[in-house]
Amino acid sequence: MKTRAECLEEYGSDYFIEKKIEEGELYKVGKGVYSEDKYVPEIAIFSYKYPKAVLTMNSAFYFHGLTDVIPDECDLATKRDSTKIKDERVKQYFVPDPFFEEGIELAKYKGYDILVYSKERMLIELIRYKSKIPFDYYKEIILNYRKLLPQLDIQKIQDYALAAPKSNKVIETLKAEVF
């Protein structure tokens, strides 16, 4: 993928960019985003446009295969002092700085690099946002986590739980509902 500025540098002018689009060698996949691939997943476009944002919540649960519910919007986590993302297709979560970095993984999605929180970190997010998630959806994901438990890094889960805001409540819920 390329920005408009990168396309201008490569092709010289808007005229030549349009010419490449007409010839089918370049595609406009988003506002100010171009690609040589005709079809680019929306998640990959958002990851490119917002390189410091991390896939979280419903989008990450779907990405990790913890639910089959396709999210209506892309859930992205950013640092608390980040600029608001002005795109109605994105739901932004502002995360406190020291906790933001915990559990970020670089993953591939249909051939594109994206940042996503690990399964262990997403278990903590699920518990943190329990009251804002529909009960049936929450139960579905918790049950899938119980099936995955032997494959998860328990030490990482405990570390993330301790680093999370309101860690006591998170730890109590983990003990009661997951372990």
N, C-alpha and C. Protein backbone atom coordinates (compact mmCIF):
# COMPACT_ATOMS: atom_id res chain seq x y z
N MET A 1 0.84 -1.17 0.00
CA MET A 1 0.00 0.00 0.00
C MET A 1 0.89 1.24 0.00
N LYS A 2 0.31 2.32 -0.50
CA LYS A 2 1.05 3.57 -0.61
C LYS A 2 0.13 4.75 -0.29
N THR A 3 0.73 5.81 0.22
CA THR A 3 -0.01 7.05 0.42
C THR A 3 -0.03 7.83 -0.88
N ARG A 4 -0.85 8.86 -0.92
CA ARG A 4 -0.89 9.72 -2.10
C ARG A 4 0.48 10.35 -2.33
N ALA A 5 1.14 10.78 -1.26
CA ALA A 5 2.46 11.41 -1.37
C ALA A 5 3.48 10.44 -1.99
N GLU A 6 3.44 9.17 -1.56
CA GLU A 6 4.34 8.17 -2.13
C GLU A 6 4.04 7.92 -3.60
N CYS A 7 2.75 7.93 -3.96
CA CYS A 7 2.37 7.77 -5.37
C CYS A 7 2.84 8.96 -6.20
N LEU A 8 2.69 10.17 -5.66
CA LEU A 8 3.17 11.36 -6.37
C LEU A 8 4.68 11.28 -6.60
N GLU A 9 5.41 10.82 -5.59
CA GLU A 9 6.85 10.69 -5.72
C GLU A 9 7.22 9.65 -6.78
N GLU A 10 6.48 8.55 -6.80
CA GLU A 10 6.77 7.46 -7.74
C GLU A 10 6.32 7.77 -9.17
N TYR A 11 5.12 8.35 -9.31
CA TYR A 11 4.55 8.55 -10.65
C TYR A 11 4.68 9.98 -11.17
N GLY A 12 4.96 10.94 -10.31
CA GLY A 12 5.22 12.30 -10.77
C GLY A 12 4.09 13.30 -10.63
N SER A 13 2.85 12.89 -10.90
CA SER A 13 1.73 13.83 -10.80
C SER A 13 0.41 13.08 -10.63
N ASP A 14 -0.65 13.85 -10.30
CA ASP A 14 -1.99 13.26 -10.17
C ASP A 14 -2.44 12.65 -11.49
N TYR A 15 -2.04 13.27 -12.60
CA TYR A 15 -2.42 12.77 -13.92
C TYR A 15 -1.91 11.34 -14.11
N PHE A 16 -0.64 11.11 -13.76
CA PHE A 16 -0.07 9.77 -13.94
C PHE A 16 -0.63 8.77 -12.94
N ILE A 17 -1.00 9.25 -11.75
CA ILE A 17 -1.66 8.36 -10.79
C ILE A 17 -2.99 7.90 -11.37
N GLU A 18 -3.78 8.85 -11.89
CA GLU A 18 -5.07 8.52 -12.52
C GLU A 18 -4.88 7.58 -13.70
N LYS A 19 -3.82 7.79 -14.47
CA LYS A 19 -3.52 6.93 -15.62
C LYS A 19 -3.27 5.49 -15.15
N LYS A 20 -2.51 5.32 -14.07
CA LYS A 20 -2.24 3.99 -13.52
C LYS A 20 -3.53 3.33 -13.02
N ILE A 21 -4.43 4.14 -12.45
CA ILE A 21 -5.72 3.63 -11.98
C ILE A 21 -6.55 3.16 -13.17
N GLU A 22 -6.60 3.98 -14.23
CA GLU A 22 -7.36 3.62 -15.44
C GLU A 22 -6.82 2.35 -16.09
N GLU A 23 -5.50 2.17 -16.04
CA GLU A 23 -4.86 1.00 -16.66
C GLU A 23 -5.00 -0.25 -15.78
N GLY A 24 -5.51 -0.09 -14.55
CA GLY A 24 -5.68 -1.23 -13.66
C GLY A 24 -4.40 -1.66 -12.96
N GLU A 25 -3.39 -0.80 -12.96
CA GLU A 25 -2.13 -1.12 -12.29
C GLU A 25 -2.11 -0.60 -10.85
N LEU A 26 -3.04 0.30 -10.53
CA LEU A 26 -3.12 0.89 -9.21
C LEU A 26 -4.58 1.05 -8.84
N TYR A 27 -4.91 0.86 -7.57
CA TYR A 27 -6.29 0.97 -7.11
C TYR A 27 -6.34 1.89 -5.89
N LYS A 28 -7.37 2.73 -5.86
CA LYS A 28 -7.59 3.56 -4.69
C LYS A 28 -8.44 2.73 -3.73
N VAL A 29 -7.84 2.35 -2.58
CA VAL A 29 -8.52 1.45 -1.65
C VAL A 29 -9.08 2.17 -0.44
N GLY A 30 -8.74 3.44 -0.28
CA GLY A 30 -9.22 4.23 0.83
C GLY A 30 -8.86 5.69 0.58
N LYS A 31 -9.32 6.56 1.45
CA LYS A 31 -9.02 7.98 1.29
C LYS A 31 -7.51 8.20 1.45
N GLY A 32 -6.86 8.56 0.37
CA GLY A 32 -5.42 8.80 0.39
C GLY A 32 -4.58 7.54 0.45
N VAL A 33 -5.19 6.37 0.20
CA VAL A 33 -4.47 5.10 0.25
C VAL A 33 -4.65 4.36 -1.07
N TYR A 34 -3.53 3.93 -1.63
CA TYR A 34 -3.52 3.24 -2.93
C TYR A 34 -2.82 1.90 -2.78
N SER A 35 -3.17 0.98 -3.67
CA SER A 35 -2.56 -0.35 -3.63
C SER A 35 -2.48 -0.92 -5.03
N GLU A 36 -1.51 -1.80 -5.23
CA GLU A 36 -1.44 -2.53 -6.49
C GLU A 36 -2.40 -3.72 -6.48
N ASP A 37 -2.90 -4.06 -5.30
CA ASP A 37 -3.89 -5.13 -5.17
C ASP A 37 -5.29 -4.53 -5.27
N LYS A 38 -6.15 -5.18 -6.05
CA LYS A 38 -7.50 -4.66 -6.24
C LYS A 38 -8.32 -4.73 -4.96
N TYR A 39 -8.20 -5.83 -4.24
CA TYR A 39 -8.98 -6.01 -3.02
C TYR A 39 -8.05 -6.04 -1.81
N VAL A 40 -8.24 -5.10 -0.92
CA VAL A 40 -7.45 -5.02 0.30
C VAL A 40 -8.43 -5.07 1.47
N PRO A 41 -8.23 -5.97 2.43
CA PRO A 41 -9.15 -6.04 3.58
C PRO A 41 -9.17 -4.71 4.34
N GLU A 42 -10.35 -4.36 4.82
CA GLU A 42 -10.53 -3.10 5.55
C GLU A 42 -9.60 -3.00 6.75
N ILE A 43 -9.40 -4.10 7.45
CA ILE A 43 -8.51 -4.11 8.61
C ILE A 43 -7.09 -3.73 8.20
N ALA A 44 -6.64 -4.23 7.05
CA ALA A 44 -5.30 -3.91 6.56
C ALA A 44 -5.19 -2.42 6.21
N ILE A 45 -6.24 -1.86 5.65
CA ILE A 45 -6.25 -0.43 5.31
C ILE A 45 -6.15 0.40 6.59
N PHE A 46 -6.95 0.04 7.61
CA PHE A 46 -6.91 0.78 8.88
C PHE A 46 -5.54 0.64 9.55
N SER A 47 -4.96 -0.55 9.48
CA SER A 47 -3.63 -0.75 10.07
C SER A 47 -2.58 0.10 9.36
N TYR A 48 -2.76 0.27 8.07
CA TYR A 48 -1.82 1.10 7.30
C TYR A 48 -2.04 2.59 7.61
N LYS A 49 -3.31 3.00 7.65
CA LYS A 49 -3.61 4.42 7.92
C LYS A 49 -3.26 4.83 9.34
N TYR A 50 -3.42 3.92 10.29
CA TYR A 50 -3.17 4.20 11.70
C TYR A 50 -2.13 3.19 12.22
N PRO A 51 -0.86 3.37 11.86
CA PRO A 51 0.16 2.35 12.16
C PRO A 51 0.45 2.13 13.64
N LYS A 52 0.06 3.07 14.50
CA LYS A 52 0.30 2.89 15.94
C LYS A 52 -0.92 2.32 16.66
N ALA A 53 -2.03 2.14 15.95
CA ALA A 53 -3.25 1.59 16.55
C ALA A 53 -3.17 0.06 16.56
N VAL A 54 -3.83 -0.54 17.54
CA VAL A 54 -3.79 -1.99 17.73
C VAL A 54 -5.21 -2.55 17.67
N LEU A 55 -5.38 -3.62 16.92
CA LEU A 55 -6.69 -4.28 16.81
C LEU A 55 -7.09 -4.82 18.19
N THR A 56 -8.31 -4.52 18.61
CA THR A 56 -8.76 -4.92 19.94
C THR A 56 -10.24 -5.30 19.92
N MET A 57 -10.76 -5.66 21.05
CA MET A 57 -12.16 -6.00 21.30
C MET A 57 -12.77 -6.90 20.22
N ASN A 58 -13.96 -6.56 19.69
CA ASN A 58 -14.68 -7.47 18.80
C ASN A 58 -13.85 -7.87 17.58
N SER A 59 -13.09 -6.91 17.03
CA SER A 59 -12.26 -7.21 15.87
C SER A 59 -11.18 -8.23 16.22
N ALA A 60 -10.56 -8.09 17.39
CA ALA A 60 -9.52 -9.03 17.82
C ALA A 60 -10.12 -10.39 18.19
N PHE A 61 -11.29 -10.40 18.85
CA PHE A 61 -11.94 -11.67 19.17
C PHE A 61 -12.23 -12.45 17.89
N TYR A 62 -12.71 -11.76 16.87
CA TYR A 62 -13.00 -12.39 15.58
C TYR A 62 -11.69 -12.85 14.92
N PHE A 63 -10.68 -12.00 14.93
CA PHE A 63 -9.38 -12.33 14.33
C PHE A 63 -8.79 -13.59 14.96
N HIS A 64 -8.89 -13.71 16.28
CA HIS A 64 -8.33 -14.86 17.00
C HIS A 64 -9.22 -16.09 16.93
N GLY A 65 -10.39 -15.99 16.31
CA GLY A 65 -11.28 -17.14 16.19
C GLY A 65 -12.05 -17.46 17.46
N LEU A 66 -12.20 -16.48 18.34
CA LEU A 66 -12.93 -16.70 19.60
C LEU A 66 -14.43 -16.51 19.43
N THR A 67 -14.83 -15.97 18.30
CA THR A 67 -16.25 -15.79 17.97
C THR A 67 -16.40 -15.85 16.46
N ASP A 68 -17.61 -16.17 16.00
CA ASP A 68 -17.86 -16.13 14.56
C ASP A 68 -18.70 -14.91 14.19
N VAL A 69 -18.90 -14.03 15.15
CA VAL A 69 -19.65 -12.79 14.90
C VAL A 69 -18.73 -11.78 14.22
N ILE A 70 -19.08 -11.42 13.00
CA ILE A 70 -18.28 -10.45 12.24
C ILE A 70 -18.59 -9.06 12.78
N PRO A 71 -17.56 -8.32 13.22
CA PRO A 71 -17.83 -6.99 13.79
C PRO A 71 -18.34 -5.99 12.75
N ASP A 72 -19.21 -5.08 13.20
CA ASP A 72 -19.77 -4.05 12.32
C ASP A 72 -18.75 -2.96 12.03
N GLU A 73 -17.84 -2.75 12.97
CA GLU A 73 -16.82 -1.72 12.81
C GLU A 73 -15.48 -2.28 13.26
N CYS A 74 -14.42 -1.58 12.92
CA CYS A 74 -13.08 -2.02 13.31
C CYS A 74 -12.73 -1.39 14.65
N ASP A 75 -12.42 -2.23 15.63
CA ASP A 75 -12.07 -1.75 16.97
C ASP A 75 -10.56 -1.58 17.06
N LEU A 76 -10.13 -0.34 17.30
CA LEU A 76 -8.70 -0.03 17.40
C LEU A 76 -8.39 0.62 18.74
N ALA A 77 -7.30 0.16 19.37
CA ALA A 77 -6.83 0.76 20.61
C ALA A 77 -5.70 1.72 20.28
N THR A 78 -5.72 2.87 20.95
CA THR A 78 -4.64 3.85 20.80
C THR A 78 -4.26 4.34 22.20
N LYS A 79 -3.12 5.00 22.27
CA LYS A 79 -2.73 5.59 23.55
C LYS A 79 -3.74 6.66 23.92
N ARG A 80 -3.86 6.91 25.21
CA ARG A 80 -4.86 7.84 25.73
C ARG A 80 -4.73 9.24 25.12
N ASP A 81 -3.51 9.69 24.84
CA ASP A 81 -3.31 11.05 24.32
C ASP A 81 -3.31 11.12 22.79
N SER A 82 -3.71 10.05 22.12
CA SER A 82 -3.75 10.03 20.65
C SER A 82 -4.88 10.88 20.11
N THR A 83 -4.73 11.29 18.87
CA THR A 83 -5.77 12.05 18.17
C THR A 83 -6.96 11.13 17.91
N LYS A 84 -8.15 11.69 17.98
CA LYS A 84 -9.37 10.93 17.71
C LYS A 84 -9.40 10.53 16.23
N ILE A 85 -9.72 9.27 15.98
CA ILE A 85 -9.87 8.78 14.61
C ILE A 85 -11.25 9.16 14.13
N LYS A 86 -11.29 9.94 13.05
CA LYS A 86 -12.57 10.44 12.53
C LYS A 86 -13.02 9.59 11.35
N ASP A 87 -13.40 8.37 11.64
CA ASP A 87 -13.91 7.45 10.63
C ASP A 87 -15.03 6.66 11.29
N GLU A 88 -16.22 6.74 10.73
CA GLU A 88 -17.38 6.08 11.35
C GLU A 88 -17.26 4.55 11.32
N ARG A 89 -16.31 4.01 10.56
CA ARG A 89 -16.12 2.56 10.51
C ARG A 89 -15.17 2.07 11.60
N VAL A 90 -14.63 3.02 12.40
CA VAL A 90 -13.68 2.68 13.45
C VAL A 90 -14.25 3.04 14.82
N LYS A 91 -14.14 2.11 15.76
CA LYS A 91 -14.46 2.40 17.15
C LYS A 91 -13.12 2.44 17.89
N GLN A 92 -12.83 3.58 18.46
CA GLN A 92 -11.53 3.79 19.08
C GLN A 92 -11.59 3.61 20.59
N TYR A 93 -10.61 2.90 21.14
CA TYR A 93 -10.48 2.70 22.57
C TYR A 93 -9.20 3.41 23.01
N PHE A 94 -9.32 4.34 23.94
CA PHE A 94 -8.16 5.06 24.46
C PHE A 94 -7.64 4.29 25.68
N VAL A 95 -6.39 3.87 25.64
CA VAL A 95 -5.81 3.02 26.67
C VAL A 95 -4.69 3.78 27.38
N PRO A 96 -4.62 3.68 28.72
CA PRO A 96 -3.54 4.35 29.46
C PRO A 96 -2.17 3.87 28.96
N ASP A 97 -1.22 4.81 28.88
CA ASP A 97 0.10 4.53 28.30
C ASP A 97 0.81 3.28 28.79
N PRO A 98 1.01 3.09 30.10
CA PRO A 98 1.80 1.91 30.47
C PRO A 98 1.11 0.59 30.09
N PHE A 99 -0.21 0.56 30.08
CA PHE A 99 -0.95 -0.67 29.77
C PHE A 99 -1.12 -0.87 28.27
N PHE A 100 -1.01 0.18 27.48
CA PHE A 100 -1.22 0.11 26.03
C PHE A 100 -0.27 -0.89 25.37
N GLU A 101 0.98 -0.88 25.75
CA GLU A 101 2.01 -1.70 25.11
C GLU A 101 1.90 -3.19 25.43
N GLU A 102 1.21 -3.54 26.50
CA GLU A 102 1.14 -4.93 26.95
C GLU A 102 0.42 -5.84 25.94
N GLY A 103 1.11 -6.87 25.47
CA GLY A 103 0.47 -7.90 24.65
C GLY A 103 0.30 -7.59 23.18
N ILE A 104 1.02 -6.60 22.65
CA ILE A 104 0.91 -6.30 21.22
C ILE A 104 1.69 -7.34 20.42
N GLU A 105 1.05 -7.85 19.38
CA GLU A 105 1.70 -8.81 18.48
C GLU A 105 1.58 -8.31 17.05
N LEU A 106 2.61 -8.60 16.25
CA LEU A 106 2.55 -8.33 14.81
C LEU A 106 2.02 -9.61 14.17
N ALA A 107 0.92 -9.51 13.45
CA ALA A 107 0.31 -10.69 12.84
C ALA A 107 0.06 -10.44 11.36
N LYS A 108 -0.19 -11.52 10.64
CA LYS A 108 -0.53 -11.43 9.22
C LYS A 108 -2.04 -11.64 9.07
N TYR A 109 -2.66 -10.77 8.27
CA TYR A 109 -4.07 -10.92 7.95
C TYR A 109 -4.20 -10.84 6.44
N LYS A 110 -4.46 -11.99 5.82
CA LYS A 110 -4.60 -12.09 4.37
C LYS A 110 -3.39 -11.47 3.66
N GLY A 111 -2.20 -11.72 4.21
CA GLY A 111 -0.97 -11.25 3.59
C GLY A 111 -0.50 -9.87 4.02
N TYR A 112 -1.25 -9.20 4.88
CA TYR A 112 -0.91 -7.85 5.33
C TYR A 112 -0.53 -7.87 6.81
N ASP A 113 0.46 -7.05 7.18
CA ASP A 113 0.87 -6.94 8.57
C ASP A 113 -0.12 -6.07 9.35
N ILE A 114 -0.52 -6.55 10.51
CA ILE A 114 -1.38 -5.77 11.41
C ILE A 114 -0.89 -5.93 12.84
N LEU A 115 -1.18 -4.95 13.67
CA LEU A 115 -0.91 -5.07 15.10
C LEU A 115 -2.20 -5.50 15.78
N VAL A 116 -2.09 -6.51 16.63
CA VAL A 116 -3.27 -7.03 17.33
C VAL A 116 -2.83 -7.44 18.74
N TYR A 117 -3.74 -7.30 19.69
CA TYR A 117 -3.43 -7.78 21.04
C TYR A 117 -3.50 -9.30 21.05
N SER A 118 -2.64 -9.92 21.85
CA SER A 118 -2.58 -11.37 21.97
C SER A 118 -3.87 -11.92 22.60
N LYS A 119 -4.05 -13.22 22.49
CA LYS A 119 -5.23 -13.86 23.09
C LYS A 119 -5.24 -13.65 24.60
N GLU A 120 -4.04 -13.72 25.21
CA GLU A 120 -3.95 -13.53 26.66
C GLU A 120 -4.40 -12.12 27.05
N ARG A 121 -3.94 -11.13 26.31
CA ARG A 121 -4.33 -9.74 26.60
C ARG A 121 -5.83 -9.55 26.36
N MET A 122 -6.35 -10.17 25.31
CA MET A 122 -7.76 -10.01 24.99
C MET A 122 -8.66 -10.62 26.05
N LEU A 123 -8.19 -11.64 26.76
CA LEU A 123 -8.96 -12.19 27.88
C LEU A 123 -9.12 -11.12 28.95
N ILE A 124 -8.07 -10.36 29.22
CA ILE A 124 -8.14 -9.27 30.20
C ILE A 124 -9.10 -8.19 29.71
N GLU A 125 -9.04 -7.85 28.42
CA GLU A 125 -9.94 -6.84 27.85
C GLU A 125 -11.40 -7.30 27.94
N LEU A 126 -11.63 -8.57 27.68
CA LEU A 126 -12.99 -9.12 27.78
C LEU A 126 -13.55 -8.91 29.18
N ILE A 127 -12.73 -9.18 30.17
CA ILE A 127 -13.17 -9.03 31.56
C ILE A 127 -13.33 -7.54 31.91
N ARG A 128 -12.42 -6.70 31.46
CA ARG A 128 -12.50 -5.27 31.75
C ARG A 128 -13.79 -4.65 31.19
N TYR A 129 -14.22 -5.11 30.02
CA TYR A 129 -15.39 -4.53 29.35
C TYR A 129 -16.64 -5.41 29.50
N LYS A 130 -16.62 -6.34 30.44
CA LYS A 130 -17.73 -7.29 30.64
C LYS A 130 -19.10 -6.61 30.71
N SER A 131 -19.19 -5.52 31.44
CA SER A 131 -20.50 -4.87 31.63
C SER A 131 -21.00 -4.16 30.36
N LYS A 132 -20.13 -3.96 29.37
CA LYS A 132 -20.52 -3.26 28.14
C LYS A 132 -20.73 -4.22 26.97
N ILE A 133 -20.62 -5.52 27.24
CA ILE A 133 -20.75 -6.54 26.20
C ILE A 133 -22.04 -7.31 26.44
N PRO A 134 -22.79 -7.63 25.37
CA PRO A 134 -23.98 -8.46 25.56
C PRO A 134 -23.63 -9.79 26.25
N PHE A 135 -24.48 -10.21 27.17
CA PHE A 135 -24.22 -11.38 28.00
C PHE A 135 -23.95 -12.64 27.18
N ASP A 136 -24.76 -12.92 26.16
CA ASP A 136 -24.58 -14.13 25.34
C ASP A 136 -23.23 -14.11 24.61
N TYR A 137 -22.85 -12.96 24.11
CA TYR A 137 -21.57 -12.78 23.41
C TYR A 137 -20.41 -13.02 24.38
N TYR A 138 -20.52 -12.46 25.57
CA TYR A 138 -19.50 -12.63 26.61
C TYR A 138 -19.34 -14.12 26.95
N LYS A 139 -20.46 -14.79 27.16
CA LYS A 139 -20.43 -16.22 27.52
C LYS A 139 -19.79 -17.06 26.41
N GLU A 140 -20.13 -16.75 25.15
CA GLU A 140 -19.56 -17.48 24.02
C GLU A 140 -18.02 -17.38 24.03
N ILE A 141 -17.53 -16.17 24.24
CA ILE A 141 -16.07 -15.97 24.22
C ILE A 141 -15.41 -16.60 25.44
N ILE A 142 -16.02 -16.47 26.62
CA ILE A 142 -15.47 -17.11 27.83
C ILE A 142 -15.39 -18.63 27.65
N LEU A 143 -16.43 -19.23 27.09
CA LEU A 143 -16.42 -20.68 26.86
C LEU A 143 -15.30 -21.07 25.90
N ASN A 144 -15.09 -20.26 24.86
CA ASN A 144 -13.99 -20.54 23.93
C ASN A 144 -12.63 -20.38 24.60
N TYR A 145 -12.52 -19.43 25.52
CA TYR A 145 -11.27 -19.28 26.27
C TYR A 145 -11.03 -20.51 27.16
N ARG A 146 -12.08 -21.03 27.77
CA ARG A 146 -11.92 -22.22 28.62
C ARG A 146 -11.39 -23.41 27.81
N LYS A 147 -11.85 -23.53 26.56
CA LYS A 147 -11.36 -24.61 25.68
C LYS A 147 -9.88 -24.39 25.32
N LEU A 148 -9.49 -23.13 25.20
CA LEU A 148 -8.11 -22.79 24.81
C LEU A 148 -7.12 -22.75 25.97
N LEU A 149 -7.60 -22.80 27.18
CA LEU A 149 -6.77 -22.59 28.37
C LEU A 149 -5.43 -23.34 28.36
N PRO A 150 -5.38 -24.63 27.97
CA PRO A 150 -4.09 -25.32 27.97
C PRO A 150 -3.06 -24.70 27.00
N GLN A 151 -3.53 -24.01 25.97
CA GLN A 151 -2.63 -23.42 24.98
C GLN A 151 -2.18 -22.01 25.36
N LEU A 152 -2.83 -21.40 26.34
CA LEU A 152 -2.51 -20.01 26.71
C LEU A 152 -1.37 -19.95 27.72
N ASP A 153 -0.67 -18.82 27.73
CA ASP A 153 0.41 -18.59 28.68
C ASP A 153 -0.19 -17.96 29.94
N ILE A 154 -0.36 -18.78 30.96
CA ILE A 154 -1.03 -18.35 32.20
C ILE A 154 -0.25 -17.22 32.88
N GLN A 155 1.08 -17.30 32.83
CA GLN A 155 1.90 -16.26 33.46
C GLN A 155 1.65 -14.90 32.80
N LYS A 156 1.52 -14.88 31.47
CA LYS A 156 1.23 -13.62 30.77
C LYS A 156 -0.14 -13.08 31.19
N ILE A 157 -1.12 -13.97 31.29
CA ILE A 157 -2.46 -13.54 31.71
C ILE A 157 -2.39 -12.88 33.08
N GLN A 158 -1.65 -13.50 34.00
CA GLN A 158 -1.52 -12.94 35.35
C GLN A 158 -0.78 -11.60 35.32
N ASP A 159 0.26 -11.50 34.50
CA ASP A 159 1.01 -10.24 34.39
C ASP A 159 0.12 -9.12 33.84
N TYR A 160 -0.65 -9.44 32.80
CA TYR A 160 -1.56 -8.43 32.21
C TYR A 160 -2.64 -8.03 33.21
N ALA A 161 -3.13 -9.01 33.96
CA ALA A 161 -4.17 -8.73 34.96
C ALA A 161 -3.64 -7.77 36.02
N LEU A 162 -2.41 -7.97 36.45
CA LEU A 162 -1.81 -7.09 37.46
C LEU A 162 -1.53 -5.70 36.91
N ALA A 163 -1.21 -5.61 35.61
CA ALA A 163 -0.90 -4.32 34.99
C ALA A 163 -2.17 -3.53 34.63
N ALA A 164 -3.30 -4.23 34.52
CA ALA A 164 -4.55 -3.60 34.08
C ALA A 164 -5.10 -2.63 35.13
N PRO A 165 -5.77 -1.58 34.65
CA PRO A 165 -6.49 -0.74 35.61
C PRO A 165 -7.54 -1.58 36.34
N LYS A 166 -7.77 -1.30 37.62
CA LYS A 166 -8.71 -2.06 38.47
C LYS A 166 -8.34 -3.55 38.48
N SER A 167 -7.06 -3.82 38.70
CA SER A 167 -6.55 -5.19 38.61
C SER A 167 -7.21 -6.16 39.59
N ASN A 168 -7.58 -5.71 40.79
CA ASN A 168 -8.20 -6.62 41.77
C ASN A 168 -9.49 -7.22 41.24
N LYS A 169 -10.32 -6.38 40.61
CA LYS A 169 -11.59 -6.85 40.05
C LYS A 169 -11.34 -7.82 38.89
N VAL A 170 -10.34 -7.52 38.07
CA VAL A 170 -10.00 -8.38 36.94
C VAL A 170 -9.54 -9.75 37.45
N ILE A 171 -8.68 -9.76 38.46
CA ILE A 171 -8.15 -11.01 39.01
C ILE A 171 -9.27 -11.85 39.64
N GLU A 172 -10.18 -11.20 40.37
CA GLU A 172 -11.32 -11.91 40.97
C GLU A 172 -12.17 -12.58 39.89
N THR A 173 -12.45 -11.85 38.81
CA THR A 173 -13.28 -12.38 37.73
C THR A 173 -12.56 -13.53 37.03
N LEU A 174 -11.26 -13.40 36.83
CA LEU A 174 -10.49 -14.50 36.22
C LEU A 174 -10.61 -15.77 37.04
N LYS A 175 -10.43 -15.66 38.36
CA LYS A 175 -10.52 -16.81 39.24
C LYS A 175 -11.91 -17.44 39.22
N ALA A 176 -12.93 -16.60 39.22
CA ALA A 176 -14.31 -17.08 39.30
C ALA A 176 -14.81 -17.68 37.97
N GLU A 177 -14.40 -17.11 36.83
CA GLU A 177 -15.03 -17.49 35.57
C GLU A 177 -14.15 -18.25 34.59
N VAL A 178 -12.82 -18.19 34.77
CA VAL A 178 -11.95 -18.81 33.77
C VAL A 178 -11.16 -19.97 34.35
N PHE A 179 -10.46 -19.76 35.46
CA PHE A 179 -9.58 -20.80 36.00
C PHE A 179 -10.32 -21.77 36.89
